[in-house]
Amino acid sequence: MDAQKVDTFIMTNGKYFPSEFIIPLREMLLNADDSKWALIQTIQYKDPTLALVISLVGGSLGIDRFFIGDMGLGIAKLITCGGFGIWSIIDWFFIMDAAREKNVSKLQMFLN
């Protein structure tokens, strides 16, 4: 792919990925087929900041985990009322990283 397109993509969507993944992401995109570019542009990434806000508001009901696509963990949080509140508090610190990791796996799925 064109380096300018890839750099623009990274500048635009960098907040959706962990910082340690940015350089490998650039290399993966540069080595990808041009035919996948249109598909990569249509991927909807989960916003880590929105995941944190949802976690603060509805984390005890598992809504944050449903939002990022962890259905099993969302059901577990819903049934246990956020792990009796403890799990909800822990997720306040880790939900943004979990959302970024989900975005990485989604992108890797489309690149492979």
C-alpha atoms as a PDB file:
ATOM      1  CA  MET A   1       0.000   0.000   0.000  1.00  0.00           C
ATOM      2  CA  ASP A   2       0.934   3.598  -0.385  1.00  0.00           C
ATOM      3  CA  ALA A   3       2.914   4.930   2.597  1.00  0.00           C
ATOM      4  CA  GLN A   4       1.023   8.227   2.608  1.00  0.00           C
ATOM      5  CA  LYS A   5      -2.347   6.432   2.847  1.00  0.00           C
ATOM      6  CA  VAL A   6      -1.060   4.246   5.652  1.00  0.00           C
ATOM      7  CA  ASP A   7       0.336   7.194   7.610  1.00  0.00           C
ATOM      8  CA  THR A   8      -2.935   9.080   7.220  1.00  0.00           C
ATOM      9  CA  PHE A   9      -4.851   6.030   8.413  1.00  0.00           C
ATOM     10  CA  ILE A  10      -2.617   5.731  11.480  1.00  0.00           C
ATOM     11  CA  MET A  11      -2.892   9.439  12.291  1.00  0.00           C
ATOM     12  CA  THR A  12      -6.673   9.276  11.992  1.00  0.00           C
ATOM     13  CA  ASN A  13      -7.239   5.997  13.851  1.00  0.00           C
ATOM     14  CA  GLY A  14      -4.269   5.854  16.224  1.00  0.00           C
ATOM     15  CA  LYS A  15      -6.360   6.308  19.365  1.00  0.00           C
ATOM     16  CA  TYR A  16      -8.145   3.027  18.669  1.00  0.00           C
ATOM     17  CA  PHE A  17      -4.963   0.938  19.016  1.00  0.00           C
ATOM     18  CA  PRO A  18      -2.383   0.394  21.778  1.00  0.00           C
ATOM     19  CA  SER A  19       0.645   2.635  21.373  1.00  0.00           C
ATOM     20  CA  GLU A  20       3.026  -0.329  21.232  1.00  0.00           C
ATOM     21  CA  PHE A  21       1.084  -1.653  18.229  1.00  0.00           C
ATOM     22  CA  ILE A  22       1.405   1.454  16.021  1.00  0.00           C
ATOM     23  CA  ILE A  23       4.736   0.561  14.378  1.00  0.00           C
ATOM     24  CA  PRO A  24       3.801  -3.097  13.712  1.00  0.00           C
ATOM     25  CA  LEU A  25       0.444  -1.835  12.433  1.00  0.00           C
ATOM     26  CA  ARG A  26       2.184   0.424   9.943  1.00  0.00           C
ATOM     27  CA  GLU A  27       4.338  -2.461   8.711  1.00  0.00           C
ATOM     28  CA  MET A  28       1.321  -4.766   8.371  1.00  0.00           C
ATOM     29  CA  LEU A  29      -0.589  -2.156   6.391  1.00  0.00           C
ATOM     30  CA  LEU A  30       2.364  -1.413   4.119  1.00  0.00           C
ATOM     31  CA  ASN A  31       2.699  -5.129   3.346  1.00  0.00           C
ATOM     32  CA  ALA A  32      -1.030  -5.693   2.799  1.00  0.00           C
ATOM     33  CA  ASP A  33      -2.639  -6.027  -0.614  1.00  0.00           C
ATOM     34  CA  ASP A  34      -4.126  -2.900  -2.169  1.00  0.00           C
ATOM     35  CA  SER A  35      -7.362  -4.842  -2.657  1.00  0.00           C
ATOM     36  CA  LYS A  36      -7.893  -4.902   1.131  1.00  0.00           C
ATOM     37  CA  TRP A  37      -7.600  -1.134   1.524  1.00  0.00           C
ATOM     38  CA  ALA A  38     -11.271  -0.410   0.867  1.00  0.00           C
ATOM     39  CA  LEU A  39     -12.270  -3.103   3.346  1.00  0.00           C
ATOM     40  CA  ILE A  40      -9.908  -1.753   6.007  1.00  0.00           C
ATOM     41  CA  GLN A  41     -11.419   1.722   5.592  1.00  0.00           C
ATOM     42  CA  THR A  42     -14.905   0.406   6.418  1.00  0.00           C
ATOM     43  CA  ILE A  43     -14.021  -1.286   9.721  1.00  0.00           C
ATOM     44  CA  GLN A  44     -15.856   0.246  12.669  1.00  0.00           C
ATOM     45  CA  TYR A  45     -13.522   0.465  15.671  1.00  0.00           C
ATOM     46  CA  LYS A  46     -14.694   0.700  19.279  1.00  0.00           C
ATOM     47  CA  ASP A  47     -13.770   3.996  20.906  1.00  0.00           C
ATOM     48  CA  PRO A  48     -11.805   3.344  24.128  1.00  0.00           C
ATOM     49  CA  THR A  49     -12.958   6.618  25.698  1.00  0.00           C
ATOM     50  CA  LEU A  50     -16.596   5.747  25.070  1.00  0.00           C
ATOM     51  CA  ALA A  51     -15.954   2.297  26.560  1.00  0.00           C
ATOM     52  CA  LEU A  52     -14.654   3.990  29.728  1.00  0.00           C
ATOM     53  CA  VAL A  53     -17.697   6.250  29.970  1.00  0.00           C
ATOM     54  CA  ILE A  54     -20.003   3.264  29.498  1.00  0.00           C
ATOM     55  CA  SER A  55     -18.012   1.370  32.145  1.00  0.00           C
ATOM     56  CA  LEU A  56     -18.398   4.208  34.635  1.00  0.00           C
ATOM     57  CA  VAL A  57     -22.148   4.459  34.008  1.00  0.00           C
ATOM     58  CA  GLY A  58     -23.246   0.879  33.356  1.00  0.00           C
ATOM     59  CA  GLY A  59     -20.281  -1.291  34.176  1.00  0.00           C
ATOM     60  CA  SER A  60     -22.053  -3.151  36.953  1.00  0.00           C
ATOM     61  CA  LEU A  61     -24.544  -4.415  34.364  1.00  0.00           C
ATOM     62  CA  GLY A  62     -21.842  -5.529  31.940  1.00  0.00           C
ATOM     63  CA  ILE A  63     -22.807  -2.985  29.301  1.00  0.00           C
ATOM     64  CA  ASP A  64     -19.160  -2.039  28.781  1.00  0.00           C
ATOM     65  CA  ARG A  65     -18.237  -5.638  27.946  1.00  0.00           C
ATOM     66  CA  PHE A  66     -21.209  -5.980  25.603  1.00  0.00           C
ATOM     67  CA  PHE A  67     -20.087  -2.766  23.885  1.00  0.00           C
ATOM     68  CA  ILE A  68     -16.606  -4.064  23.081  1.00  0.00           C
ATOM     69  CA  GLY A  69     -17.926  -7.472  22.022  1.00  0.00           C
ATOM     70  CA  ASP A  70     -17.139  -9.643  25.062  1.00  0.00           C
ATOM     71  CA  MET A  71     -20.559 -11.257  25.296  1.00  0.00           C
ATOM     72  CA  GLY A  72     -19.550 -13.963  27.777  1.00  0.00           C
ATOM     73  CA  LEU A  73     -17.913 -11.511  30.168  1.00  0.00           C
ATOM     74  CA  GLY A  74     -20.863  -9.156  29.754  1.00  0.00           C
ATOM     75  CA  ILE A  75     -23.287 -11.882  30.804  1.00  0.00           C
ATOM     76  CA  ALA A  76     -21.047 -12.817  33.748  1.00  0.00           C
ATOM     77  CA  LYS A  77     -20.913  -9.187  34.908  1.00  0.00           C
ATOM     78  CA  LEU A  78     -24.669  -8.854  34.482  1.00  0.00           C
ATOM     79  CA  ILE A  79     -25.421 -11.974  36.541  1.00  0.00           C
ATOM     80  CA  THR A  80     -22.964 -11.074  39.324  1.00  0.00           C
ATOM     81  CA  CYS A  81     -23.767  -7.339  39.339  1.00  0.00           C
ATOM     82  CA  GLY A  82     -20.261  -6.510  38.182  1.00  0.00           C
ATOM     83  CA  GLY A  83     -18.597  -9.119  40.364  1.00  0.00           C
ATOM     84  CA  PHE A  84     -20.352  -7.578  43.371  1.00  0.00           C
ATOM     85  CA  GLY A  85     -18.914  -4.214  42.356  1.00  0.00           C
ATOM     86  CA  ILE A  86     -15.281  -5.259  42.474  1.00  0.00           C
ATOM     87  CA  TRP A  87     -15.051  -6.275  38.826  1.00  0.00           C
ATOM     88  CA  SER A  88     -16.705  -3.026  37.787  1.00  0.00           C
ATOM     89  CA  ILE A  89     -14.087  -0.970  39.608  1.00  0.00           C
ATOM     90  CA  ILE A  90     -11.256  -3.025  38.110  1.00  0.00           C
ATOM     91  CA  ASP A  91     -12.714  -2.508  34.629  1.00  0.00           C
ATOM     92  CA  TRP A  92     -12.538   1.269  35.080  1.00  0.00           C
ATOM     93  CA  PHE A  93      -8.791   0.882  34.781  1.00  0.00           C
ATOM     94  CA  PHE A  94      -8.638  -1.837  32.108  1.00  0.00           C
ATOM     95  CA  ILE A  95     -11.624  -1.364  29.772  1.00  0.00           C
ATOM     96  CA  MET A  96      -9.818   1.096  27.499  1.00  0.00           C
ATOM     97  CA  ASP A  97      -6.986  -1.391  26.941  1.00  0.00           C
ATOM     98  CA  ALA A  98      -9.514  -4.170  26.344  1.00  0.00           C
ATOM     99  CA  ALA A  99     -11.264  -2.047  23.685  1.00  0.00           C
ATOM    100  CA  ARG A 100      -7.942  -1.315  21.966  1.00  0.00           C
ATOM    101  CA  GLU A 101      -7.020  -5.019  21.976  1.00  0.00           C
ATOM    102  CA  LYS A 102     -10.392  -5.868  20.409  1.00  0.00           C
ATOM    103  CA  ASN A 103      -9.681  -3.310  17.674  1.00  0.00           C
ATOM    104  CA  VAL A 104      -6.285  -4.919  17.023  1.00  0.00           C
ATOM    105  CA  SER A 105      -7.793  -8.377  16.690  1.00  0.00           C
ATOM    106  CA  LYS A 106     -10.529  -7.049  14.405  1.00  0.00           C
ATOM    107  CA  LEU A 107      -7.958  -5.397  12.123  1.00  0.00           C
ATOM    108  CA  GLN A 108      -5.746  -8.499  12.088  1.00  0.00           C
ATOM    109  CA  MET A 109      -8.753 -10.586  11.104  1.00  0.00           C
ATOM    110  CA  PHE A 110      -9.309  -8.385   8.050  1.00  0.00           C
ATOM    111  CA  LEU A 111      -5.614  -8.341   7.113  1.00  0.00           C
ATOM    112  CA  ASN A 112      -5.216 -12.131   7.188  1.00  0.00           C
END
